[in-house]
N, C-alpha and C. Protein backbone atom coordinates (compact mmCIF):
# COMPACT_ATOMS: atom_id res chain seq x y z
N MET A 1 0.84 -1.17 0.01
CA MET A 1 -0.01 0.00 0.00
C MET A 1 0.89 1.24 0.01
N ILE A 2 0.54 2.23 -0.79
CA ILE A 2 1.29 3.47 -0.86
C ILE A 2 1.28 4.14 0.51
N ASN A 3 2.45 4.64 0.91
CA ASN A 3 2.63 5.29 2.20
C ASN A 3 1.64 6.45 2.36
N GLY A 4 0.88 6.45 3.46
CA GLY A 4 -0.06 7.50 3.77
C GLY A 4 -1.47 7.25 3.30
N VAL A 5 -1.65 6.28 2.39
CA VAL A 5 -3.01 5.93 1.95
C VAL A 5 -3.65 5.12 3.08
N GLN A 6 -4.93 5.41 3.33
CA GLN A 6 -5.66 4.66 4.36
C GLN A 6 -7.02 4.25 3.83
N ILE A 7 -7.48 3.11 4.32
CA ILE A 7 -8.80 2.61 3.98
C ILE A 7 -9.62 2.52 5.28
N LYS A 8 -10.84 3.00 5.19
CA LYS A 8 -11.77 2.81 6.30
C LYS A 8 -12.93 1.97 5.76
N LYS A 9 -13.06 0.77 6.30
CA LYS A 9 -14.22 -0.08 5.95
C LYS A 9 -15.44 0.50 6.63
N LEU A 10 -16.51 0.60 5.89
CA LEU A 10 -17.75 1.16 6.46
C LEU A 10 -18.59 0.09 7.09
N THR A 11 -19.25 0.45 8.15
CA THR A 11 -20.18 -0.45 8.82
C THR A 11 -21.59 0.02 8.53
N LYS A 12 -22.38 -0.85 7.92
CA LYS A 12 -23.77 -0.55 7.64
C LYS A 12 -24.62 -1.10 8.79
N HIS A 13 -25.48 -0.24 9.30
CA HIS A 13 -26.44 -0.65 10.33
C HIS A 13 -27.77 -0.80 9.61
N CYS A 14 -28.16 -2.06 9.40
CA CYS A 14 -29.34 -2.37 8.58
C CYS A 14 -30.53 -2.79 9.45
N ASP A 15 -31.71 -2.42 8.98
CA ASP A 15 -32.93 -2.91 9.58
C ASP A 15 -34.00 -2.94 8.46
N ASP A 16 -35.26 -3.13 8.84
CA ASP A 16 -36.32 -3.27 7.85
C ASP A 16 -36.65 -1.94 7.12
N ARG A 17 -36.04 -0.88 7.50
CA ARG A 17 -36.24 0.42 6.81
C ARG A 17 -35.16 0.73 5.79
N GLY A 18 -34.00 0.05 5.90
CA GLY A 18 -32.85 0.34 5.03
C GLY A 18 -31.56 0.22 5.81
N PHE A 19 -30.67 1.20 5.63
CA PHE A 19 -29.40 1.16 6.40
C PHE A 19 -28.93 2.56 6.68
N PHE A 20 -27.97 2.64 7.61
CA PHE A 20 -27.27 3.88 7.96
C PHE A 20 -25.80 3.54 8.11
N ALA A 21 -24.93 4.46 7.65
CA ALA A 21 -23.50 4.28 7.83
C ALA A 21 -22.83 5.63 7.99
N GLU A 22 -21.84 5.72 8.88
CA GLU A 22 -21.06 6.93 9.05
C GLU A 22 -19.91 6.93 8.04
N LEU A 23 -19.67 8.06 7.41
CA LEU A 23 -18.58 8.18 6.46
C LEU A 23 -17.32 8.70 7.13
N VAL A 24 -17.38 9.88 7.70
CA VAL A 24 -16.20 10.47 8.34
C VAL A 24 -16.65 11.27 9.56
N ARG A 25 -15.86 11.23 10.59
CA ARG A 25 -16.19 11.88 11.86
C ARG A 25 -15.10 12.86 12.25
N ASP A 26 -15.43 13.81 13.09
CA ASP A 26 -14.44 14.78 13.54
C ASP A 26 -13.44 14.19 14.53
N ASP A 27 -13.69 12.99 15.05
CA ASP A 27 -12.76 12.35 15.95
C ASP A 27 -11.91 11.30 15.22
N GLU A 28 -11.79 11.45 13.89
CA GLU A 28 -10.93 10.58 13.06
C GLU A 28 -9.91 11.47 12.32
N PRO A 29 -9.02 12.14 13.04
CA PRO A 29 -8.06 13.04 12.38
C PRO A 29 -7.08 12.31 11.45
N GLU A 30 -6.95 11.00 11.61
CA GLU A 30 -6.08 10.24 10.72
C GLU A 30 -6.68 10.14 9.33
N LEU A 31 -7.99 10.33 9.21
CA LEU A 31 -8.66 10.28 7.91
C LEU A 31 -8.70 11.65 7.25
N LEU A 32 -9.05 12.66 7.97
CA LEU A 32 -9.18 14.00 7.39
C LEU A 32 -8.65 14.99 8.43
N SER A 33 -7.41 15.41 8.27
CA SER A 33 -6.78 16.27 9.25
C SER A 33 -7.46 17.62 9.40
N ARG A 34 -8.15 18.03 8.35
CA ARG A 34 -8.83 19.32 8.35
C ARG A 34 -9.95 19.24 7.32
N PHE A 35 -11.10 19.85 7.60
CA PHE A 35 -12.18 19.87 6.62
C PHE A 35 -12.06 21.09 5.75
N GLY A 36 -12.05 20.87 4.43
CA GLY A 36 -12.01 21.98 3.50
C GLY A 36 -13.28 22.08 2.68
N GLN A 37 -13.72 20.94 2.13
CA GLN A 37 -14.87 20.95 1.21
C GLN A 37 -15.39 19.53 1.02
N ALA A 38 -16.70 19.42 0.74
CA ALA A 38 -17.30 18.17 0.33
C ALA A 38 -17.86 18.37 -1.06
N SER A 39 -17.65 17.40 -1.96
CA SER A 39 -18.09 17.50 -3.33
C SER A 39 -18.76 16.22 -3.77
N TRP A 40 -19.54 16.31 -4.85
CA TRP A 40 -20.35 15.20 -5.35
C TRP A 40 -20.26 15.21 -6.86
N SER A 41 -20.00 14.06 -7.47
CA SER A 41 -19.86 13.97 -8.93
C SER A 41 -20.38 12.62 -9.40
N MET A 42 -20.82 12.57 -10.68
CA MET A 42 -21.30 11.33 -11.29
C MET A 42 -20.59 11.19 -12.65
N SER A 43 -20.21 9.95 -12.96
CA SER A 43 -19.61 9.65 -14.26
C SER A 43 -20.31 8.45 -14.88
N TYR A 44 -20.39 8.48 -16.18
CA TYR A 44 -21.08 7.43 -16.93
C TYR A 44 -20.23 6.18 -17.12
N PRO A 45 -20.85 5.03 -17.40
CA PRO A 45 -20.13 3.78 -17.56
C PRO A 45 -18.97 3.90 -18.58
N GLY A 46 -17.83 3.33 -18.20
CA GLY A 46 -16.66 3.33 -19.08
C GLY A 46 -15.82 4.58 -19.02
N VAL A 47 -16.28 5.64 -18.39
CA VAL A 47 -15.52 6.88 -18.33
C VAL A 47 -14.27 6.68 -17.49
N ILE A 48 -13.16 7.27 -17.97
CA ILE A 48 -11.91 7.30 -17.20
C ILE A 48 -11.65 8.76 -16.83
N LYS A 49 -11.52 9.02 -15.54
CA LYS A 49 -11.16 10.36 -15.06
C LYS A 49 -9.81 10.22 -14.38
N ALA A 50 -8.76 10.51 -15.12
CA ALA A 50 -7.41 10.34 -14.60
C ALA A 50 -6.44 11.16 -15.42
N PHE A 51 -5.37 11.42 -14.87
CA PHE A 51 -4.90 11.47 -13.50
C PHE A 51 -4.80 12.94 -13.06
N HIS A 52 -4.85 13.16 -11.76
CA HIS A 52 -4.50 14.47 -11.23
C HIS A 52 -3.93 14.25 -9.82
N TYR A 53 -3.28 15.29 -9.29
CA TYR A 53 -2.76 15.25 -7.94
C TYR A 53 -2.78 16.65 -7.36
N HIS A 54 -2.53 16.73 -6.07
CA HIS A 54 -2.57 18.01 -5.35
C HIS A 54 -1.26 18.20 -4.60
N GLU A 55 -0.88 19.44 -4.43
CA GLU A 55 0.31 19.77 -3.66
C GLU A 55 -0.02 20.17 -2.23
N LYS A 56 -1.26 20.61 -1.97
CA LYS A 56 -1.63 21.11 -0.64
C LYS A 56 -2.70 20.26 0.05
N GLN A 57 -3.53 19.57 -0.67
CA GLN A 57 -4.69 18.93 -0.06
C GLN A 57 -4.66 17.41 -0.14
N ASP A 58 -5.28 16.80 0.87
CA ASP A 58 -5.58 15.37 0.85
C ASP A 58 -7.03 15.22 0.38
N ASP A 59 -7.31 14.09 -0.24
CA ASP A 59 -8.68 13.74 -0.66
C ASP A 59 -9.14 12.50 0.09
N LEU A 60 -10.42 12.44 0.39
CA LEU A 60 -11.04 11.28 1.00
C LEU A 60 -12.21 10.90 0.13
N TRP A 61 -12.12 9.77 -0.58
CA TRP A 61 -13.10 9.36 -1.59
C TRP A 61 -14.06 8.30 -1.10
N PHE A 62 -15.31 8.39 -1.60
CA PHE A 62 -16.35 7.39 -1.32
C PHE A 62 -17.26 7.29 -2.53
N PHE A 63 -17.50 6.08 -3.01
CA PHE A 63 -18.44 5.82 -4.11
C PHE A 63 -19.70 5.18 -3.51
N PRO A 64 -20.78 5.96 -3.32
CA PRO A 64 -22.02 5.40 -2.75
C PRO A 64 -22.85 4.59 -3.72
N SER A 65 -22.61 4.79 -5.06
CA SER A 65 -23.34 3.97 -6.03
C SER A 65 -22.49 3.75 -7.24
N GLY A 66 -22.74 2.64 -7.90
CA GLY A 66 -21.88 2.23 -9.02
C GLY A 66 -20.62 1.58 -8.51
N ASN A 67 -19.71 1.29 -9.44
CA ASN A 67 -18.44 0.69 -9.08
C ASN A 67 -17.32 1.33 -9.90
N ALA A 68 -16.17 1.45 -9.26
CA ALA A 68 -15.04 2.10 -9.93
C ALA A 68 -13.73 1.39 -9.61
N GLN A 69 -12.85 1.42 -10.59
CA GLN A 69 -11.47 0.98 -10.44
C GLN A 69 -10.66 2.26 -10.15
N VAL A 70 -10.12 2.37 -8.96
CA VAL A 70 -9.39 3.55 -8.54
C VAL A 70 -7.91 3.26 -8.59
N VAL A 71 -7.16 4.13 -9.24
CA VAL A 71 -5.72 3.91 -9.43
C VAL A 71 -4.97 5.08 -8.75
N LEU A 72 -4.01 4.72 -7.91
CA LEU A 72 -3.14 5.69 -7.24
C LEU A 72 -1.70 5.46 -7.68
N HIS A 73 -0.94 6.54 -7.84
CA HIS A 73 0.49 6.44 -8.18
C HIS A 73 1.24 7.45 -7.35
N ASP A 74 2.22 7.00 -6.59
CA ASP A 74 2.97 7.85 -5.68
C ASP A 74 4.03 8.66 -6.42
N LEU A 75 3.82 9.97 -6.51
CA LEU A 75 4.74 10.89 -7.19
C LEU A 75 5.76 11.52 -6.23
N ARG A 76 5.62 11.27 -4.93
CA ARG A 76 6.45 11.93 -3.93
C ARG A 76 7.85 11.31 -3.92
N LEU A 77 8.85 12.10 -4.26
CA LEU A 77 10.23 11.62 -4.34
C LEU A 77 10.77 11.18 -2.98
N ASP A 78 10.29 11.78 -1.91
CA ASP A 78 10.79 11.46 -0.57
C ASP A 78 9.98 10.36 0.14
N SER A 79 9.06 9.74 -0.58
CA SER A 79 8.21 8.71 0.01
C SER A 79 8.92 7.34 -0.08
N THR A 80 8.64 6.50 0.92
CA THR A 80 9.17 5.12 0.89
C THR A 80 8.52 4.29 -0.21
N THR A 81 7.40 4.80 -0.74
CA THR A 81 6.70 4.06 -1.79
C THR A 81 6.71 4.87 -3.12
N ALA A 82 7.67 5.73 -3.30
CA ALA A 82 7.77 6.56 -4.53
C ALA A 82 7.76 5.64 -5.75
N GLY A 83 6.95 6.02 -6.74
CA GLY A 83 6.88 5.26 -8.00
C GLY A 83 5.93 4.06 -7.96
N GLU A 84 5.37 3.76 -6.80
CA GLU A 84 4.47 2.60 -6.71
C GLU A 84 3.05 2.96 -7.17
N THR A 85 2.35 1.98 -7.73
CA THR A 85 0.98 2.13 -8.17
C THR A 85 0.11 1.11 -7.41
N ASP A 86 -1.03 1.59 -6.91
CA ASP A 86 -2.01 0.75 -6.23
C ASP A 86 -3.34 0.84 -6.93
N VAL A 87 -4.11 -0.25 -6.90
CA VAL A 87 -5.44 -0.28 -7.49
C VAL A 87 -6.43 -0.72 -6.42
N TYR A 88 -7.55 -0.01 -6.35
CA TYR A 88 -8.63 -0.30 -5.40
C TYR A 88 -9.95 -0.38 -6.18
N TYR A 89 -10.82 -1.27 -5.74
CA TYR A 89 -12.15 -1.40 -6.34
C TYR A 89 -13.14 -0.90 -5.29
N MET A 90 -13.88 0.15 -5.66
CA MET A 90 -14.75 0.83 -4.71
C MET A 90 -16.16 0.94 -5.27
N GLY A 91 -17.12 1.01 -4.39
CA GLY A 91 -18.49 1.24 -4.81
C GLY A 91 -19.46 0.27 -4.16
N ASP A 92 -20.54 -0.05 -4.90
CA ASP A 92 -21.57 -0.94 -4.39
C ASP A 92 -20.98 -2.24 -3.82
N ASN A 93 -20.00 -2.77 -4.51
CA ASN A 93 -19.44 -4.07 -4.11
C ASN A 93 -18.37 -3.97 -3.03
N ASN A 94 -17.90 -2.77 -2.74
CA ASN A 94 -16.88 -2.57 -1.71
C ASN A 94 -17.01 -1.15 -1.13
N PRO A 95 -17.92 -0.96 -0.20
CA PRO A 95 -18.12 0.37 0.36
C PRO A 95 -17.04 0.74 1.38
N ILE A 96 -16.05 1.47 0.89
CA ILE A 96 -14.94 1.91 1.74
C ILE A 96 -14.70 3.39 1.51
N MET A 97 -13.99 4.00 2.48
CA MET A 97 -13.46 5.35 2.34
C MET A 97 -11.97 5.19 2.00
N LEU A 98 -11.46 6.01 1.08
CA LEU A 98 -10.06 5.90 0.68
C LEU A 98 -9.40 7.26 0.84
N LEU A 99 -8.40 7.36 1.73
CA LEU A 99 -7.66 8.58 1.92
C LEU A 99 -6.49 8.62 0.94
N ILE A 100 -6.43 9.71 0.15
CA ILE A 100 -5.39 9.89 -0.86
C ILE A 100 -4.54 11.10 -0.44
N PRO A 101 -3.31 10.88 -0.02
CA PRO A 101 -2.47 12.00 0.45
C PRO A 101 -2.03 12.91 -0.70
N LYS A 102 -1.74 14.16 -0.37
CA LYS A 102 -1.20 15.07 -1.36
C LYS A 102 0.06 14.46 -1.97
N GLY A 103 0.27 14.70 -3.25
CA GLY A 103 1.45 14.16 -3.95
C GLY A 103 1.23 12.80 -4.55
N VAL A 104 0.06 12.22 -4.34
CA VAL A 104 -0.28 10.90 -4.91
C VAL A 104 -1.27 11.14 -6.05
N ALA A 105 -0.86 10.79 -7.27
CA ALA A 105 -1.75 10.94 -8.43
C ALA A 105 -2.89 9.94 -8.30
N HIS A 106 -4.08 10.35 -8.73
CA HIS A 106 -5.25 9.49 -8.58
C HIS A 106 -6.24 9.71 -9.74
N GLY A 107 -6.96 8.60 -10.01
CA GLY A 107 -7.98 8.64 -11.04
C GLY A 107 -8.81 7.37 -10.95
N TYR A 108 -9.86 7.33 -11.78
CA TYR A 108 -10.72 6.14 -11.74
C TYR A 108 -11.36 5.89 -13.07
N ARG A 109 -11.81 4.63 -13.22
CA ARG A 109 -12.60 4.18 -14.37
C ARG A 109 -13.89 3.60 -13.84
N VAL A 110 -15.01 4.00 -14.44
CA VAL A 110 -16.31 3.47 -14.02
C VAL A 110 -16.48 2.06 -14.62
N LEU A 111 -16.78 1.12 -13.74
CA LEU A 111 -16.96 -0.28 -14.13
C LEU A 111 -18.44 -0.61 -14.23
N GLY A 112 -18.78 -1.60 -15.05
CA GLY A 112 -20.15 -2.05 -15.17
C GLY A 112 -20.97 -1.21 -16.12
N ASP A 113 -22.30 -1.38 -16.03
CA ASP A 113 -23.20 -0.75 -16.99
C ASP A 113 -24.07 0.34 -16.38
N LYS A 114 -23.70 0.83 -15.22
CA LYS A 114 -24.43 1.96 -14.65
C LYS A 114 -23.46 3.05 -14.19
N PRO A 115 -23.90 4.29 -14.10
CA PRO A 115 -23.01 5.36 -13.66
C PRO A 115 -22.47 5.13 -12.26
N ALA A 116 -21.38 5.78 -11.96
CA ALA A 116 -20.80 5.75 -10.61
C ALA A 116 -20.87 7.15 -10.04
N THR A 117 -21.24 7.23 -8.78
CA THR A 117 -21.29 8.49 -8.07
C THR A 117 -20.17 8.50 -7.04
N ILE A 118 -19.46 9.63 -6.96
CA ILE A 118 -18.40 9.79 -5.97
C ILE A 118 -18.73 11.00 -5.10
N ILE A 119 -18.56 10.82 -3.81
CA ILE A 119 -18.59 11.92 -2.85
C ILE A 119 -17.19 11.99 -2.27
N TYR A 120 -16.62 13.18 -2.28
CA TYR A 120 -15.26 13.28 -1.75
C TYR A 120 -15.11 14.50 -0.89
N PHE A 121 -14.24 14.36 0.10
CA PHE A 121 -13.93 15.39 1.05
C PHE A 121 -12.48 15.81 0.85
N THR A 122 -12.19 17.08 1.01
CA THR A 122 -10.81 17.57 0.86
C THR A 122 -10.44 18.39 2.07
N THR A 123 -9.14 18.50 2.30
CA THR A 123 -8.64 19.29 3.43
C THR A 123 -8.53 20.76 3.10
N GLU A 124 -8.76 21.15 1.83
CA GLU A 124 -8.73 22.54 1.42
C GLU A 124 -9.96 22.80 0.54
N SER A 125 -10.46 24.03 0.55
CA SER A 125 -11.53 24.41 -0.37
C SER A 125 -10.94 24.67 -1.73
N TYR A 126 -11.72 24.44 -2.78
CA TYR A 126 -11.27 24.69 -4.15
C TYR A 126 -11.08 26.19 -4.37
N ASP A 127 -9.93 26.57 -4.89
CA ASP A 127 -9.61 27.97 -5.18
C ASP A 127 -9.65 28.15 -6.71
N ARG A 128 -10.71 28.71 -7.21
CA ARG A 128 -10.89 28.87 -8.66
C ARG A 128 -9.77 29.70 -9.30
N SER A 129 -9.22 30.66 -8.57
CA SER A 129 -8.18 31.54 -9.14
C SER A 129 -6.81 30.88 -9.13
N ASN A 130 -6.63 29.87 -8.28
CA ASN A 130 -5.33 29.18 -8.19
C ASN A 130 -5.57 27.73 -7.76
N PRO A 131 -6.14 26.90 -8.67
CA PRO A 131 -6.51 25.55 -8.28
C PRO A 131 -5.29 24.70 -7.92
N ASP A 132 -5.45 23.93 -6.84
CA ASP A 132 -4.40 22.97 -6.43
C ASP A 132 -4.70 21.65 -7.11
N GLU A 133 -4.61 21.65 -8.44
CA GLU A 133 -4.91 20.46 -9.21
C GLU A 133 -3.97 20.40 -10.38
N LYS A 134 -3.03 19.47 -10.33
CA LYS A 134 -2.06 19.25 -11.40
C LYS A 134 -2.50 18.03 -12.20
N ARG A 135 -2.53 18.16 -13.51
CA ARG A 135 -3.04 17.11 -14.38
C ARG A 135 -1.94 16.29 -15.02
N ILE A 136 -2.23 15.00 -15.16
CA ILE A 136 -1.37 14.05 -15.87
C ILE A 136 -2.29 13.26 -16.80
N GLU A 137 -1.89 13.00 -18.01
CA GLU A 137 -2.72 12.24 -18.95
C GLU A 137 -3.04 10.85 -18.39
N TRP A 138 -4.23 10.36 -18.76
CA TRP A 138 -4.72 9.05 -18.28
C TRP A 138 -3.81 7.91 -18.73
N ASN A 139 -3.05 8.12 -19.82
CA ASN A 139 -2.19 7.05 -20.36
C ASN A 139 -0.72 7.46 -20.27
N ASP A 140 -0.37 8.28 -19.31
CA ASP A 140 1.00 8.73 -19.13
C ASP A 140 1.97 7.56 -19.00
N LYS A 141 3.04 7.59 -19.78
CA LYS A 141 4.00 6.48 -19.78
C LYS A 141 4.78 6.36 -18.47
N ARG A 142 4.95 7.48 -17.75
CA ARG A 142 5.65 7.39 -16.44
C ARG A 142 4.88 6.53 -15.46
N ILE A 143 3.55 6.60 -15.52
CA ILE A 143 2.73 5.76 -14.65
C ILE A 143 2.56 4.38 -15.27
N GLY A 144 2.35 4.34 -16.56
CA GLY A 144 2.31 3.08 -17.28
C GLY A 144 1.19 2.16 -16.90
N PHE A 145 0.03 2.69 -16.54
CA PHE A 145 -1.08 1.84 -16.13
C PHE A 145 -1.96 1.50 -17.33
N SER A 146 -2.33 0.23 -17.45
CA SER A 146 -3.24 -0.20 -18.51
C SER A 146 -4.68 -0.21 -17.94
N TRP A 147 -5.56 0.57 -18.54
CA TRP A 147 -6.95 0.66 -18.09
C TRP A 147 -7.81 -0.43 -18.72
N GLU A 148 -7.22 -1.33 -19.48
CA GLU A 148 -7.97 -2.41 -20.10
C GLU A 148 -8.29 -3.51 -19.11
N THR A 149 -9.48 -4.08 -19.21
CA THR A 149 -9.85 -5.21 -18.38
C THR A 149 -9.09 -6.44 -18.86
N GLU A 150 -8.43 -7.12 -17.92
CA GLU A 150 -7.70 -8.36 -18.27
C GLU A 150 -8.67 -9.53 -18.10
N PHE A 151 -8.95 -10.20 -19.17
CA PHE A 151 -9.81 -11.38 -19.12
C PHE A 151 -8.96 -12.60 -18.80
N ARG A 152 -9.34 -13.31 -17.73
CA ARG A 152 -8.53 -14.44 -17.27
C ARG A 152 -9.38 -15.69 -17.20
């Protein structure tokens, strides 16, 4: 696992009305050291949204519906996991929270035949005049990730 990345498995409390689950709490500073913003986005099946990274903010991702293949690549030269790539499967089939530290490139591909929704929390608010968002092409050779499904 890339240094600084954390997973929080969610606990669903189910009854005959449905379920309830906590995403993030103020007494979990290891997950979100500071609250900056909460955002919500939807992507259609097959869409790849990759890659970008931040210099100032951490991201905390959650896919409440649909399924996604999430790819992380450690760009931090001083990290013990510099250059490593991790893959996580998130969504309906694996309801987890994923902490992505600043300096780690991240992106995702929507899996299956329905859209995926992501809710994410950041430690900084988005600054339209000076966005903390550095882009890398989805097929960048330095990362070298194949977004194709491997049939086995």
